[in-house]
Every structure is written in structure tokens, then in C-alpha cells.
Amino acid sequence: MAKLRTQLGDPLFTRITNGFQPTPYCEHLGIAAREALDVLQAGLASNRPFDPGTTTRCFSFYMSDVGQMVMLPPLLANLKTEAPGATVQSAPISLAREPGSGREFR
């Protein structure tokens, strides 16, 4: 809990006479989490098989510049054959340290 509080910059709960009360941010976070879980549950419950040959879905890939050069061309070639209606968007990820990430790449 302490790690989550630090990462989110919010105490999440405050003590009241008969227990704890969520902060406004925690309540907002709870609503967002519930909505995300509802969407996931609906997707899992739909039980529609995925057909790559008919999909028009846009797939997003986040990868380093090297990943884009090495992995994207064969991936796109495969998608062109197996999922001709699909589209791809690719965005770079930084390998520099992000504030609060706890990881540093050089």
C-alpha cells in the first residue's frame, strides 16, 4: 500500500472514527478500475472468435527504435498476409529514465 501511495502521490485512505474513508482521488480511481474491469469482462464474455482475415482492428505497438527497425517489417509482412484489413500504429518508447519509473537504461 505504501508503494502505491508513493507512486500515486495520494494517501488513498484517511482514518475516520469508525474505520477508513477513501480520498476523492481513491474514489475516482476505484470508479475507473471498475469501468476497466467491466470492459474486460464484457470482452471475455463475448466469446467471439478472432478472425484475422476479416478484422479491421488497429493494433498499437510501443517499442524502441531498434525494435521498430528489427521487428516491425516482418510483423507488417505477416499482417499483410494474415490480416489484410488490420492497421498498425507504432510509437517509440524512450529508453531514458522516466521520473518515478525506478528503472534506468543507458
PDB file of N, CA and C in Angstrom:
ATOM      1  N   MET A   1       0.821  -1.175   0.000  1.00  0.00           N
ATOM      2  CA  MET A   1       0.000   0.000   0.000  1.00  0.00           C
ATOM      3  C   MET A   1       0.872   1.247   0.000  1.00  0.00           C
ATOM      4  N   ALA A   2       1.957   1.219   0.764  1.00  0.00           N
ATOM      5  CA  ALA A   2       2.847   2.376   0.845  1.00  0.00           C
ATOM      6  C   ALA A   2       3.443   2.689  -0.527  1.00  0.00           C
ATOM      7  N   LYS A   3       3.811   1.651  -1.244  1.00  0.00           N
ATOM      8  CA  LYS A   3       4.395   1.843  -2.572  1.00  0.00           C
ATOM      9  C   LYS A   3       3.369   2.471  -3.525  1.00  0.00           C
ATOM     10  N   LEU A   4       2.134   2.011  -3.462  1.00  0.00           N
ATOM     11  CA  LEU A   4       1.062   2.554  -4.293  1.00  0.00           C
ATOM     12  C   LEU A   4       0.781   4.011  -3.930  1.00  0.00           C
ATOM     13  N   ARG A   5       0.764   4.303  -2.634  1.00  0.00           N
ATOM     14  CA  ARG A   5       0.550   5.690  -2.194  1.00  0.00           C
ATOM     15  C   ARG A   5       1.645   6.609  -2.716  1.00  0.00           C
ATOM     16  N   THR A   6       2.882   6.138  -2.631  1.00  0.00           N
ATOM     17  CA  THR A   6       4.009   6.939  -3.109  1.00  0.00           C
ATOM     18  C   THR A   6       3.918   7.140  -4.619  1.00  0.00           C
ATOM     19  N   GLN A   7       3.647   6.070  -5.339  1.00  0.00           N
ATOM     20  CA  GLN A   7       3.583   6.149  -6.796  1.00  0.00           C
ATOM     21  C   GLN A   7       2.450   7.062  -7.265  1.00  0.00           C
ATOM     22  N   LEU A   8       1.314   7.009  -6.589  1.00  0.00           N
ATOM     23  CA  LEU A   8       0.169   7.820  -6.993  1.00  0.00           C
ATOM     24  C   LEU A   8       0.168   9.211  -6.373  1.00  0.00           C
ATOM     25  N   GLY A   9       0.989   9.421  -5.353  1.00  0.00           N
ATOM     26  CA  GLY A   9       1.051  10.731  -4.715  1.00  0.00           C
ATOM     27  C   GLY A   9      -0.214  11.082  -3.953  1.00  0.00           C
ATOM     28  N   ASP A  10      -0.869  10.072  -3.381  1.00  0.00           N
ATOM     29  CA  ASP A  10      -2.115  10.300  -2.652  1.00  0.00           C
ATOM     30  C   ASP A  10      -2.176   9.288  -1.504  1.00  0.00           C
ATOM     31  N   PRO A  11      -2.706   9.679  -0.338  1.00  0.00           N
ATOM     32  CA  PRO A  11      -2.778   8.718   0.764  1.00  0.00           C
ATOM     33  C   PRO A  11      -3.811   7.603   0.523  1.00  0.00           C
ATOM     34  N   LEU A  12      -4.721   7.796  -0.432  1.00  0.00           N
ATOM     35  CA  LEU A  12      -5.763   6.858  -0.835  1.00  0.00           C
ATOM     36  C   LEU A  12      -6.863   6.679   0.220  1.00  0.00           C
ATOM     37  N   PHE A  13      -6.502   6.558   1.485  1.00  0.00           N
ATOM     38  CA  PHE A  13      -7.499   6.414   2.554  1.00  0.00           C
ATOM     39  C   PHE A  13      -7.123   7.318   3.718  1.00  0.00           C
ATOM     40  N   THR A  14      -8.142   7.843   4.397  1.00  0.00           N
ATOM     41  CA  THR A  14      -7.914   8.622   5.606  1.00  0.00           C
ATOM     42  C   THR A  14      -8.682   7.957   6.755  1.00  0.00           C
ATOM     43  N   ARG A  15      -8.118   8.054   7.940  1.00  0.00           N
ATOM     44  CA  ARG A  15      -8.735   7.433   9.111  1.00  0.00           C
ATOM     45  C   ARG A  15      -9.909   8.298   9.588  1.00  0.00           C
ATOM     46  N   ILE A  16     -11.017   7.626   9.868  1.00  0.00           N
ATOM     47  CA  ILE A  16     -12.171   8.285  10.491  1.00  0.00           C
ATOM     48  C   ILE A  16     -12.506   7.511  11.769  1.00  0.00           C
ATOM     49  N   THR A  17     -13.454   7.995  12.553  1.00  0.00           N
ATOM     50  CA  THR A  17     -13.714   7.380  13.862  1.00  0.00           C
ATOM     51  C   THR A  17     -14.003   5.885  13.809  1.00  0.00           C
ATOM     52  N   ASN A  18     -14.706   5.437  12.811  1.00  0.00           N
ATOM     53  CA  ASN A  18     -15.072   4.026  12.785  1.00  0.00           C
ATOM     54  C   ASN A  18     -14.392   3.254  11.637  1.00  0.00           C
ATOM     55  N   GLY A  19     -13.211   3.691  11.225  1.00  0.00           N
ATOM     56  CA  GLY A  19     -12.502   2.951  10.181  1.00  0.00           C
ATOM     57  C   GLY A  19     -11.721   3.860   9.256  1.00  0.00           C
ATOM     58  N   PHE A  20     -11.852   3.617   7.965  1.00  0.00           N
ATOM     59  CA  PHE A  20     -11.150   4.392   6.947  1.00  0.00           C
ATOM     60  C   PHE A  20     -12.128   4.876   5.902  1.00  0.00           C
ATOM     61  N   GLN A  21     -11.753   5.983   5.268  1.00  0.00           N
ATOM     62  CA  GLN A  21     -12.576   6.572   4.218  1.00  0.00           C
ATOM     63  C   GLN A  21     -11.675   6.824   3.013  1.00  0.00           C
ATOM     64  N   PRO A  22     -12.119   6.447   1.804  1.00  0.00           N
ATOM     65  CA  PRO A  22     -11.286   6.707   0.625  1.00  0.00           C
ATOM     66  C   PRO A  22     -11.206   8.208   0.332  1.00  0.00           C
ATOM     67  N   THR A  23     -10.048   8.638  -0.147  1.00  0.00           N
ATOM     68  CA  THR A  23      -9.898  10.032  -0.571  1.00  0.00           C
ATOM     69  C   THR A  23     -10.674  10.215  -1.879  1.00  0.00           C
ATOM     70  N   PRO A  24     -10.957  11.452  -2.279  1.00  0.00           N
ATOM     71  CA  PRO A  24     -11.637  11.672  -3.559  1.00  0.00           C
ATOM     72  C   PRO A  24     -10.869  11.041  -4.737  1.00  0.00           C
ATOM     73  N   TYR A  25      -9.550  11.123  -4.699  1.00  0.00           N
ATOM     74  CA  TYR A  25      -8.750  10.518  -5.768  1.00  0.00           C
ATOM     75  C   TYR A  25      -8.932   9.001  -5.776  1.00  0.00           C
ATOM     76  N   CYS A  26      -8.946   8.394  -4.602  1.00  0.00           N
ATOM     77  CA  CYS A  26      -9.133   6.954  -4.487  1.00  0.00           C
ATOM     78  C   CYS A  26     -10.514   6.550  -5.012  1.00  0.00           C
ATOM     79  N   GLU A  27     -11.525   7.332  -4.706  1.00  0.00           N
ATOM     80  CA  GLU A  27     -12.867   7.041  -5.221  1.00  0.00           C
ATOM     81  C   GLU A  27     -12.883   7.111  -6.739  1.00  0.00           C
ATOM     82  N   HIS A  28     -12.246   8.135  -7.298  1.00  0.00           N
ATOM     83  CA  HIS A  28     -12.165   8.285  -8.756  1.00  0.00           C
ATOM     84  C   HIS A  28     -11.407   7.106  -9.372  1.00  0.00           C
ATOM     85  N   LEU A  29     -10.318   6.724  -8.738  1.00  0.00           N
ATOM     86  CA  LEU A  29      -9.519   5.592  -9.198  1.00  0.00           C
ATOM     87  C   LEU A  29     -10.329   4.296  -9.148  1.00  0.00           C
ATOM     88  N   GLY A  30     -11.109   4.126  -8.097  1.00  0.00           N
ATOM     89  CA  GLY A  30     -11.958   2.942  -7.962  1.00  0.00           C
ATOM     90  C   GLY A  30     -13.003   2.856  -9.057  1.00  0.00           C
ATOM     91  N   ILE A  31     -13.601   3.983  -9.395  1.00  0.00           N
ATOM     92  CA  ILE A  31     -14.599   4.022 -10.474  1.00  0.00           C
ATOM     93  C   ILE A  31     -13.949   3.655 -11.804  1.00  0.00           C
ATOM     94  N   ALA A  32     -12.776   4.239 -12.070  1.00  0.00           N
ATOM     95  CA  ALA A  32     -12.061   3.940 -13.317  1.00  0.00           C
ATOM     96  C   ALA A  32     -11.676   2.462 -13.386  1.00  0.00           C
ATOM     97  N   ALA A  33     -11.230   1.901 -12.270  1.00  0.00           N
ATOM     98  CA  ALA A  33     -10.857   0.483 -12.238  1.00  0.00           C
ATOM     99  C   ALA A  33     -12.078  -0.395 -12.481  1.00  0.00           C
ATOM    100  N   ARG A  34     -13.202  -0.053 -11.881  1.00  0.00           N
ATOM    101  CA  ARG A  34     -14.430  -0.828 -12.074  1.00  0.00           C
ATOM    102  C   ARG A  34     -14.859  -0.800 -13.540  1.00  0.00           C
ATOM    103  N   GLU A  35     -14.788   0.391 -14.168  1.00  0.00           N
ATOM    104  CA  GLU A  35     -15.159   0.506 -15.580  1.00  0.00           C
ATOM    105  C   GLU A  35     -14.230  -0.324 -16.461  1.00  0.00           C
ATOM    106  N   ALA A  36     -12.933  -0.288 -16.159  1.00  0.00           N
ATOM    107  CA  ALA A  36     -11.976  -1.070 -16.935  1.00  0.00           C
ATOM    108  C   ALA A  36     -12.245  -2.561 -16.783  1.00  0.00           C
ATOM    109  N   LEU A  37     -12.536  -2.994 -15.580  1.00  0.00           N
ATOM    110  CA  LEU A  37     -12.847  -4.409 -15.350  1.00  0.00           C
ATOM    111  C   LEU A  37     -14.150  -4.811 -16.041  1.00  0.00           C
ATOM    112  N   ASP A  38     -15.136  -3.911 -16.065  1.00  0.00           N
ATOM    113  CA  ASP A  38     -16.393  -4.203 -16.770  1.00  0.00           C
ATOM    114  C   ASP A  38     -16.157  -4.395 -18.264  1.00  0.00           C
ATOM    115  N   VAL A  39     -15.315  -3.536 -18.847  1.00  0.00           N
ATOM    116  CA  VAL A  39     -14.993  -3.664 -20.272  1.00  0.00           C
ATOM    117  C   VAL A  39     -14.266  -4.977 -20.538  1.00  0.00           C
ATOM    118  N   LEU A  40     -13.317  -5.310 -19.689  1.00  0.00           N
ATOM    119  CA  LEU A  40     -12.580  -6.568 -19.836  1.00  0.00           C
ATOM    120  C   LEU A  40     -13.519  -7.762 -19.710  1.00  0.00           C
ATOM    121  N   GLN A  41     -14.395  -7.727 -18.717  1.00  0.00           N
ATOM    122  CA  GLN A  41     -15.334  -8.827 -18.518  1.00  0.00           C
ATOM    123  C   GLN A  41     -16.273  -8.967 -19.717  1.00  0.00           C
ATOM    124  N   ALA A  42     -16.756  -7.868 -20.245  1.00  0.00           N
ATOM    125  CA  ALA A  42     -17.639  -7.923 -21.413  1.00  0.00           C
ATOM    126  C   ALA A  42     -16.907  -8.507 -22.614  1.00  0.00           C
ATOM    127  N   GLY A  43     -15.649  -8.122 -22.778  1.00  0.00           N
ATOM    128  CA  GLY A  43     -14.864  -8.665 -23.881  1.00  0.00           C
ATOM    129  C   GLY A  43     -14.636 -10.155 -23.752  1.00  0.00           C
ATOM    130  N   LEU A  44     -14.356 -10.606 -22.546  1.00  0.00           N
ATOM    131  CA  LEU A  44     -14.142 -12.037 -22.313  1.00  0.00           C
ATOM    132  C   LEU A  44     -15.441 -12.821 -22.458  1.00  0.00           C
ATOM    133  N   ALA A  45     -16.545 -12.207 -22.073  1.00  0.00           N
ATOM    134  CA  ALA A  45     -17.838 -12.889 -22.133  1.00  0.00           C
ATOM    135  C   ALA A  45     -18.382 -12.965 -23.551  1.00  0.00           C
ATOM    136  N   SER A  46     -17.934 -12.087 -24.436  1.00  0.00           N
ATOM    137  CA  SER A  46     -18.475 -12.078 -25.797  1.00  0.00           C
ATOM    138  C   SER A  46     -18.181 -13.383 -26.520  1.00  0.00           C
ATOM    139  N   ASN A  47     -17.046 -13.999 -26.197  1.00  0.00           N
ATOM    140  CA  ASN A  47     -16.683 -15.307 -26.727  1.00  0.00           C
ATOM    141  C   ASN A  47     -16.694 -15.368 -28.255  1.00  0.00           C
ATOM    142  N   ARG A  48     -16.495 -14.240 -28.890  1.00  0.00           N
ATOM    143  CA  ARG A  48     -16.406 -14.243 -30.347  1.00  0.00           C
ATOM    144  C   ARG A  48     -15.008 -14.647 -30.744  1.00  0.00           C
ATOM    145  N   PRO A  49     -14.879 -15.604 -31.616  1.00  0.00           N
ATOM    146  CA  PRO A  49     -13.535 -15.984 -32.057  1.00  0.00           C
ATOM    147  C   PRO A  49     -12.920 -14.877 -32.907  1.00  0.00           C
ATOM    148  N   PHE A  50     -11.637 -14.695 -32.753  1.00  0.00           N
ATOM    149  CA  PHE A  50     -10.919 -13.683 -33.521  1.00  0.00           C
ATOM    150  C   PHE A  50     -10.588 -14.251 -34.894  1.00  0.00           C
ATOM    151  N   ASP A  51     -10.975 -13.527 -35.938  1.00  0.00           N
ATOM    152  CA  ASP A  51     -10.677 -13.941 -37.306  1.00  0.00           C
ATOM    153  C   ASP A  51      -9.757 -12.901 -37.926  1.00  0.00           C
ATOM    154  N   PRO A  52      -8.464 -13.188 -38.003  1.00  0.00           N
ATOM    155  CA  PRO A  52      -7.533 -12.196 -38.544  1.00  0.00           C
ATOM    156  C   PRO A  52      -7.835 -11.824 -39.988  1.00  0.00           C
ATOM    157  N   GLY A  53      -8.418 -12.733 -40.743  1.00  0.00           N
ATOM    158  CA  GLY A  53      -8.701 -12.459 -42.153  1.00  0.00           C
ATOM    159  C   GLY A  53      -9.763 -11.406 -42.374  1.00  0.00           C
ATOM    160  N   THR A  54     -10.623 -11.171 -41.383  1.00  0.00           N
ATOM    161  CA  THR A  54     -11.701 -10.193 -41.559  1.00  0.00           C
ATOM    162  C   THR A  54     -11.591  -8.998 -40.618  1.00  0.00           C
ATOM    163  N   THR A  55     -10.610  -8.992 -39.753  1.00  0.00           N
ATOM    164  CA  THR A  55     -10.513  -7.891 -38.788  1.00  0.00           C
ATOM    165  C   THR A  55     -10.129  -6.577 -39.468  1.00  0.00           C
ATOM    166  N   THR A  56     -10.670  -5.509 -38.935  1.00  0.00           N
ATOM    167  CA  THR A  56     -10.294  -4.158 -39.372  1.00  0.00           C
ATOM    168  C   THR A  56      -9.704  -3.395 -38.188  1.00  0.00           C
ATOM    169  N   ARG A  57      -9.279  -4.127 -37.217  1.00  0.00           N
ATOM    170  CA  ARG A  57      -8.750  -3.553 -35.981  1.00  0.00           C
ATOM    171  C   ARG A  57      -7.418  -2.848 -36.218  1.00  0.00           C
ATOM    172  N   CYS A  58      -7.175  -1.819 -35.420  1.00  0.00           N
ATOM    173  CA  CYS A  58      -5.887  -1.129 -35.438  1.00  0.00           C
ATOM    174  C   CYS A  58      -5.093  -1.604 -34.223  1.00  0.00           C
ATOM    175  N   PHE A  59      -3.914  -2.139 -34.465  1.00  0.00           N
ATOM    176  CA  PHE A  59      -3.053  -2.629 -33.400  1.00  0.00           C
ATOM    177  C   PHE A  59      -1.991  -1.585 -33.093  1.00  0.00           C
ATOM    178  N   SER A  60      -1.778  -1.310 -31.825  1.00  0.00           N
ATOM    179  CA  SER A  60      -0.780  -0.333 -31.395  1.00  0.00           C
ATOM    180  C   SER A  60       0.411  -1.060 -30.801  1.00  0.00           C
ATOM    181  N   PHE A  61       1.593  -0.676 -31.237  1.00  0.00           N
ATOM    182  CA  PHE A  61       2.823  -1.255 -30.727  1.00  0.00           C
ATOM    183  C   PHE A  61       3.711  -0.136 -30.215  1.00  0.00           C
ATOM    184  N   TYR A  62       4.225  -0.303 -29.035  1.00  0.00           N
ATOM    185  CA  TYR A  62       5.154   0.645 -28.440  1.00  0.00           C
ATOM    186  C   TYR A  62       6.486  -0.072 -28.303  1.00  0.00           C
ATOM    187  N   MET A  63       7.485   0.421 -29.005  1.00  0.00           N
ATOM    188  CA  MET A  63       8.780  -0.248 -28.982  1.00  0.00           C
ATOM    189  C   MET A  63       9.895   0.746 -29.232  1.00  0.00           C
ATOM    190  N   SER A  64      11.088   0.330 -28.886  1.00  0.00           N
ATOM    191  CA  SER A  64      12.257   1.181 -29.104  1.00  0.00           C
ATOM    192  C   SER A  64      12.499   1.343 -30.595  1.00  0.00           C
ATOM    193  N   ASP A  65      13.360   2.288 -30.945  1.00  0.00           N
ATOM    194  CA  ASP A  65      13.665   2.495 -32.364  1.00  0.00           C
ATOM    195  C   ASP A  65      14.287   1.242 -32.982  1.00  0.00           C
ATOM    196  N   VAL A  66      15.089   0.527 -32.223  1.00  0.00           N
ATOM    197  CA  VAL A  66      15.676  -0.728 -32.719  1.00  0.00           C
ATOM    198  C   VAL A  66      14.574  -1.763 -32.928  1.00  0.00           C
ATOM    199  N   GLY A  67      13.652  -1.843 -31.991  1.00  0.00           N
ATOM    200  CA  GLY A  67      12.528  -2.765 -32.143  1.00  0.00           C
ATOM    201  C   GLY A  67      11.705  -2.450 -33.382  1.00  0.00           C
ATOM    202  N   GLN A  68      11.523  -1.155 -33.650  1.00  0.00           N
ATOM    203  CA  GLN A  68      10.772  -0.770 -34.844  1.00  0.00           C
ATOM    204  C   GLN A  68      11.509  -1.184 -36.115  1.00  0.00           C
ATOM    205  N   MET A  69      12.825  -1.065 -36.115  1.00  0.00           N
ATOM    206  CA  MET A  69      13.599  -1.431 -37.304  1.00  0.00           C
ATOM    207  C   MET A  69      13.689  -2.939 -37.486  1.00  0.00           C
ATOM    208  N   VAL A  70      13.818  -3.675 -36.390  1.00  0.00           N
ATOM    209  CA  VAL A  70      14.049  -5.116 -36.480  1.00  0.00           C
ATOM    210  C   VAL A  70      12.743  -5.908 -36.531  1.00  0.00           C
ATOM    211  N   MET A  71      11.813  -5.581 -35.660  1.00  0.00           N
ATOM    212  CA  MET A  71      10.620  -6.419 -35.526  1.00  0.00           C
ATOM    213  C   MET A  71       9.434  -5.972 -36.367  1.00  0.00           C
ATOM    214  N   LEU A  72       9.339  -4.682 -36.668  1.00  0.00           N
ATOM    215  CA  LEU A  72       8.167  -4.184 -37.380  1.00  0.00           C
ATOM    216  C   LEU A  72       8.069  -4.686 -38.827  1.00  0.00           C
ATOM    217  N   PRO A  73       9.134  -4.687 -39.633  1.00  0.00           N
ATOM    218  CA  PRO A  73       8.978  -5.147 -41.021  1.00  0.00           C
ATOM    219  C   PRO A  73       8.439  -6.580 -41.158  1.00  0.00           C
ATOM    220  N   PRO A  74       8.999  -7.579 -40.429  1.00  0.00           N
ATOM    221  CA  PRO A  74       8.410  -8.909 -40.582  1.00  0.00           C
ATOM    222  C   PRO A  74       6.985  -9.001 -40.022  1.00  0.00           C
ATOM    223  N   LEU A  75       6.702  -8.237 -38.977  1.00  0.00           N
ATOM    224  CA  LEU A  75       5.365  -8.222 -38.412  1.00  0.00           C
ATOM    225  C   LEU A  75       4.366  -7.670 -39.424  1.00  0.00           C
ATOM    226  N   LEU A  76       4.734  -6.570 -40.076  1.00  0.00           N
ATOM    227  CA  LEU A  76       3.851  -5.976 -41.083  1.00  0.00           C
ATOM    228  C   LEU A  76       3.650  -6.905 -42.276  1.00  0.00           C
ATOM    229  N   ALA A  77       4.699  -7.591 -42.686  1.00  0.00           N
ATOM    230  CA  ALA A  77       4.581  -8.547 -43.799  1.00  0.00           C
ATOM    231  C   ALA A  77       3.620  -9.666 -43.430  1.00  0.00           C
ATOM    232  N   ASN A  78       3.722 -10.165 -42.204  1.00  0.00           N
ATOM    233  CA  ASN A  78       2.834 -11.224 -41.746  1.00  0.00           C
ATOM    234  C   ASN A  78       1.388 -10.730 -41.658  1.00  0.00           C
ATOM    235  N   LEU A  79       1.200  -9.523 -41.133  1.00  0.00           N
ATOM    236  CA  LEU A  79      -0.149  -8.971 -41.044  1.00  0.00           C
ATOM    237  C   LEU A  79      -0.760  -8.755 -42.417  1.00  0.00           C
ATOM    238  N   LYS A  80       0.041  -8.337 -43.386  1.00  0.00           N
ATOM    239  CA  LYS A  80      -0.470  -8.109 -44.743  1.00  0.00           C
ATOM    240  C   LYS A  80      -1.039  -9.397 -45.328  1.00  0.00           C
ATOM    241  N   THR A  81      -0.413 -10.520 -44.989  1.00  0.00           N
ATOM    242  CA  THR A  81      -0.876 -11.819 -45.479  1.00  0.00           C
ATOM    243  C   THR A  81      -2.045 -12.348 -44.658  1.00  0.00           C
ATOM    244  N   GLU A  82      -1.900 -12.337 -43.346  1.00  0.00           N
ATOM    245  CA  GLU A  82      -2.879 -12.968 -42.465  1.00  0.00           C
ATOM    246  C   GLU A  82      -4.061 -12.074 -42.082  1.00  0.00           C
ATOM    247  N   ALA A  83      -3.828 -10.765 -42.019  1.00  0.00           N
ATOM    248  CA  ALA A  83      -4.874  -9.819 -41.597  1.00  0.00           C
ATOM    249  C   ALA A  83      -4.822  -8.582 -42.475  1.00  0.00           C
ATOM    250  N   PRO A  84      -5.211  -8.722 -43.737  1.00  0.00           N
ATOM    251  CA  PRO A  84      -5.055  -7.600 -44.681  1.00  0.00           C
ATOM    252  C   PRO A  84      -5.856  -6.349 -44.326  1.00  0.00           C
ATOM    253  N   GLY A  85      -6.926  -6.479 -43.556  1.00  0.00           N
ATOM    254  CA  GLY A  85      -7.723  -5.316 -43.174  1.00  0.00           C
ATOM    255  C   GLY A  85      -7.244  -4.622 -41.917  1.00  0.00           C
ATOM    256  N   ALA A  86      -6.280  -5.209 -41.241  1.00  0.00           N
ATOM    257  CA  ALA A  86      -5.772  -4.635 -39.998  1.00  0.00           C
ATOM    258  C   ALA A  86      -4.814  -3.490 -40.300  1.00  0.00           C
ATOM    259  N   THR A  87      -4.745  -2.556 -39.390  1.00  0.00           N
ATOM    260  CA  THR A  87      -3.777  -1.473 -39.497  1.00  0.00           C
ATOM    261  C   THR A  87      -2.904  -1.478 -38.245  1.00  0.00           C
ATOM    262  N   VAL A  88      -1.774  -0.814 -38.370  1.00  0.00           N
ATOM    263  CA  VAL A  88      -0.805  -0.778 -37.270  1.00  0.00           C
ATOM    264  C   VAL A  88      -0.403   0.652 -37.020  1.00  0.00           C
ATOM    265  N   GLN A  89      -0.298   0.994 -35.763  1.00  0.00           N
ATOM    266  CA  GLN A  89       0.332   2.264 -35.400  1.00  0.00           C
ATOM    267  C   GLN A  89       1.445   1.932 -34.423  1.00  0.00           C
ATOM    268  N   SER A  90       2.564   2.572 -34.639  1.00  0.00           N
ATOM    269  CA  SER A  90       3.732   2.303 -33.808  1.00  0.00           C
ATOM    270  C   SER A  90       4.195   3.606 -33.183  1.00  0.00           C
ATOM    271  N   ALA A  91       4.545   3.530 -31.915  1.00  0.00           N
ATOM    272  CA  ALA A  91       5.044   4.703 -31.204  1.00  0.00           C
ATOM    273  C   ALA A  91       6.330   4.322 -30.492  1.00  0.00           C
ATOM    274  N   PRO A  92       7.283   5.225 -30.474  1.00  0.00           N
ATOM    275  CA  PRO A  92       8.551   4.913 -29.811  1.00  0.00           C
ATOM    276  C   PRO A  92       8.414   4.989 -28.294  1.00  0.00           C
ATOM    277  N   ILE A  93       9.210   4.186 -27.636  1.00  0.00           N
ATOM    278  CA  ILE A  93       9.332   4.305 -26.189  1.00  0.00           C
ATOM    279  C   ILE A  93      10.741   4.786 -25.906  1.00  0.00           C
ATOM    280  N   SER A  94      10.860   5.599 -24.913  1.00  0.00           N
ATOM    281  CA  SER A  94      12.162   6.133 -24.544  1.00  0.00           C
ATOM    282  C   SER A  94      12.888   5.142 -23.649  1.00  0.00           C
ATOM    283  N   LEU A  95      14.145   4.970 -23.893  1.00  0.00           N
ATOM    284  CA  LEU A  95      14.942   4.112 -23.028  1.00  0.00           C
ATOM    285  C   LEU A  95      15.621   4.920 -21.933  1.00  0.00           C
ATOM    286  N   ALA A  96      15.377   6.221 -21.917  1.00  0.00           N
ATOM    287  CA  ALA A  96      15.918   7.074 -20.852  1.00  0.00           C
ATOM    288  C   ALA A  96      15.073   6.878 -19.604  1.00  0.00           C
ATOM    289  N   ARG A  97      15.639   7.226 -18.487  1.00  0.00           N
ATOM    290  CA  ARG A  97      14.920   7.069 -17.222  1.00  0.00           C
ATOM    291  C   ARG A  97      13.743   8.031 -17.162  1.00  0.00           C
ATOM    292  N   GLU A  98      12.576   7.487 -16.861  1.00  0.00           N
ATOM    293  CA  GLU A  98      11.376   8.279 -16.669  1.00  0.00           C
ATOM    294  C   GLU A  98      11.264   8.584 -15.178  1.00  0.00           C
ATOM    295  N   PRO A  99      10.829   9.791 -14.801  1.00  0.00           N
ATOM    296  CA  PRO A  99      10.680  10.092 -13.379  1.00  0.00           C
ATOM    297  C   PRO A  99       9.725   9.108 -12.712  1.00  0.00           C
ATOM    298  N   GLY A 100      10.171   8.527 -11.617  1.00  0.00           N
ATOM    299  CA  GLY A 100       9.338   7.616 -10.868  1.00  0.00           C
ATOM    300  C   GLY A 100       9.299   6.196 -11.407  1.00  0.00           C
ATOM    301  N   SER A 101      10.011   5.931 -12.497  1.00  0.00           N
ATOM    302  CA  SER A 101       9.957   4.585 -13.069  1.00  0.00           C
ATOM    303  C   SER A 101      10.771   3.587 -12.283  1.00  0.00           C
ATOM    304  N   GLY A 102      11.795   4.079 -11.584  1.00  0.00           N
ATOM    305  CA  GLY A 102      12.633   3.188 -10.815  1.00  0.00           C
ATOM    306  C   GLY A 102      13.625   2.412 -11.653  1.00  0.00           C
ATOM    307  N   ARG A 103      13.571   2.601 -12.966  1.00  0.00           N
ATOM    308  CA  ARG A 103      14.483   1.883 -13.840  1.00  0.00           C
ATOM    309  C   ARG A 103      15.265   2.883 -14.684  1.00  0.00           C
ATOM    310  N   GLU A 104      16.487   2.569 -14.903  1.00  0.00           N
ATOM    311  CA  GLU A 104      17.317   3.450 -15.720  1.00  0.00           C
ATOM    312  C   GLU A 104      18.036   2.596 -16.753  1.00  0.00           C
ATOM    313  N   PHE A 105      17.927   2.998 -18.004  1.00  0.00           N
ATOM    314  CA  PHE A 105      18.573   2.282 -19.099  1.00  0.00           C
ATOM    315  C   PHE A 105      19.576   3.223 -19.756  1.00  0.00           C
ATOM    316  N   ARG A 106      20.754   2.723 -20.019  1.00  0.00           N
ATOM    317  CA  ARG A 106      21.752   3.533 -20.708  1.00  0.00           C
ATOM    318  C   ARG A 106      22.431   2.714 -21.769  1.00  0.00           C
TER     319      ARG A 106
END
